[in-house]
Amino acid sequence: MPAKSQSQQKAAGAALSAKRGETKVGDLQGASKSMYESMSEKELDEMASTKRKGKPEHKSKS
């Protein structure tokens, strides 16, 4: 499942880093913390590796 926005991709990257033990889980907040708890490492990797070109900074609420 690819990221729909750049901010979603960044949150997935932060959660993936914590899953791999590269950063502390306690440093996570907001979306990245919930992604860490609810998604597998493979899902996070797929979302974080999405190309950023053409993605909005934030997903629209519609």
C-alpha atoms as a PDB file:
ATOM      1  CA  MET A   1       0.000   0.000   0.000  1.00  0.00           C
ATOM      2  CA  PRO A   2       1.763   3.176  -1.162  1.00  0.00           C
ATOM      3  CA  ALA A   3       1.754   6.411   0.819  1.00  0.00           C
ATOM      4  CA  LYS A   4      -0.830   8.970  -0.247  1.00  0.00           C
ATOM      5  CA  SER A   5       1.175  12.006   0.932  1.00  0.00           C
ATOM      6  CA  GLN A   6       4.691  13.021   1.871  1.00  0.00           C
ATOM      7  CA  SER A   7       3.796  13.360   5.541  1.00  0.00           C
ATOM      8  CA  GLN A   8       2.346   9.833   5.584  1.00  0.00           C
ATOM      9  CA  GLN A   9       5.562   8.556   4.014  1.00  0.00           C
ATOM     10  CA  LYS A  10       7.705  10.352   6.599  1.00  0.00           C
ATOM     11  CA  ALA A  11       5.636   8.908   9.448  1.00  0.00           C
ATOM     12  CA  ALA A  12       6.025   5.412   7.985  1.00  0.00           C
ATOM     13  CA  GLY A  13       9.782   5.940   7.736  1.00  0.00           C
ATOM     14  CA  ALA A  14      10.005   6.971  11.384  1.00  0.00           C
ATOM     15  CA  ALA A  15       7.944   3.963  12.485  1.00  0.00           C
ATOM     16  CA  LEU A  16      10.071   1.640  10.334  1.00  0.00           C
ATOM     17  CA  SER A  17      13.241   3.023  11.901  1.00  0.00           C
ATOM     18  CA  ALA A  18      11.869   2.262  15.370  1.00  0.00           C
ATOM     19  CA  LYS A  19      10.763  -1.256  14.296  1.00  0.00           C
ATOM     20  CA  ARG A  20      14.310  -1.964  13.145  1.00  0.00           C
ATOM     21  CA  GLY A  21      15.760  -0.661  16.419  1.00  0.00           C
ATOM     22  CA  GLU A  22      17.524   2.306  14.809  1.00  0.00           C
ATOM     23  CA  THR A  23      15.577   4.872  16.873  1.00  0.00           C
ATOM     24  CA  LYS A  24      13.776   4.744  20.208  1.00  0.00           C
ATOM     25  CA  VAL A  25      10.080   3.852  20.251  1.00  0.00           C
ATOM     26  CA  GLY A  26       9.602   6.538  22.902  1.00  0.00           C
ATOM     27  CA  ASP A  27      10.628   9.197  20.374  1.00  0.00           C
ATOM     28  CA  LEU A  28       7.629   8.380  18.161  1.00  0.00           C
ATOM     29  CA  GLN A  29       4.493  10.490  18.355  1.00  0.00           C
ATOM     30  CA  GLY A  30       1.213  10.847  16.520  1.00  0.00           C
ATOM     31  CA  ALA A  31       0.756   8.911  13.293  1.00  0.00           C
ATOM     32  CA  SER A  32       4.176   7.257  13.394  1.00  0.00           C
ATOM     33  CA  LYS A  33       3.435   5.790  16.843  1.00  0.00           C
ATOM     34  CA  SER A  34       0.115   4.291  15.728  1.00  0.00           C
ATOM     35  CA  MET A  35       1.746   2.964  12.535  1.00  0.00           C
ATOM     36  CA  TYR A  36       4.479   1.329  14.649  1.00  0.00           C
ATOM     37  CA  GLU A  37       1.873  -0.453  16.751  1.00  0.00           C
ATOM     38  CA  SER A  38      -0.501  -1.513  13.978  1.00  0.00           C
ATOM     39  CA  MET A  39       1.643  -2.285  10.906  1.00  0.00           C
ATOM     40  CA  SER A  40       4.238  -4.930  10.099  1.00  0.00           C
ATOM     41  CA  GLU A  41       7.791  -4.092   9.061  1.00  0.00           C
ATOM     42  CA  LYS A  42       6.996  -5.150   5.488  1.00  0.00           C
ATOM     43  CA  GLU A  43       3.950  -2.839   5.295  1.00  0.00           C
ATOM     44  CA  LEU A  44       5.953   0.066   6.702  1.00  0.00           C
ATOM     45  CA  ASP A  45       8.769  -0.588   4.236  1.00  0.00           C
ATOM     46  CA  GLU A  46       6.330  -0.509   1.300  1.00  0.00           C
ATOM     47  CA  MET A  47       4.787   2.751   2.494  1.00  0.00           C
ATOM     48  CA  ALA A  48       8.099   4.440   3.295  1.00  0.00           C
ATOM     49  CA  SER A  49       9.648   3.508  -0.054  1.00  0.00           C
ATOM     50  CA  THR A  50       6.920   5.229  -2.103  1.00  0.00           C
ATOM     51  CA  LYS A  51       8.239   7.829  -4.549  1.00  0.00           C
ATOM     52  CA  ARG A  52       7.659  11.385  -3.312  1.00  0.00           C
ATOM     53  CA  LYS A  53       7.433  13.095  -6.703  1.00  0.00           C
ATOM     54  CA  GLY A  54       3.910  14.341  -7.316  1.00  0.00           C
ATOM     55  CA  LYS A  55       2.677  13.605  -3.794  1.00  0.00           C
ATOM     56  CA  PRO A  56       0.972  16.380  -1.830  1.00  0.00           C
ATOM     57  CA  GLU A  57       2.520  17.400   1.496  1.00  0.00           C
ATOM     58  CA  HIS A  58      -0.687  16.359   3.288  1.00  0.00           C
ATOM     59  CA  LYS A  59      -3.573  14.187   2.143  1.00  0.00           C
ATOM     60  CA  SER A  60      -6.802  16.094   1.524  1.00  0.00           C
ATOM     61  CA  LYS A  61      -9.641  15.372   3.934  1.00  0.00           C
ATOM     62  CA  SER A  62     -12.161  14.498   1.222  1.00  0.00           C
END
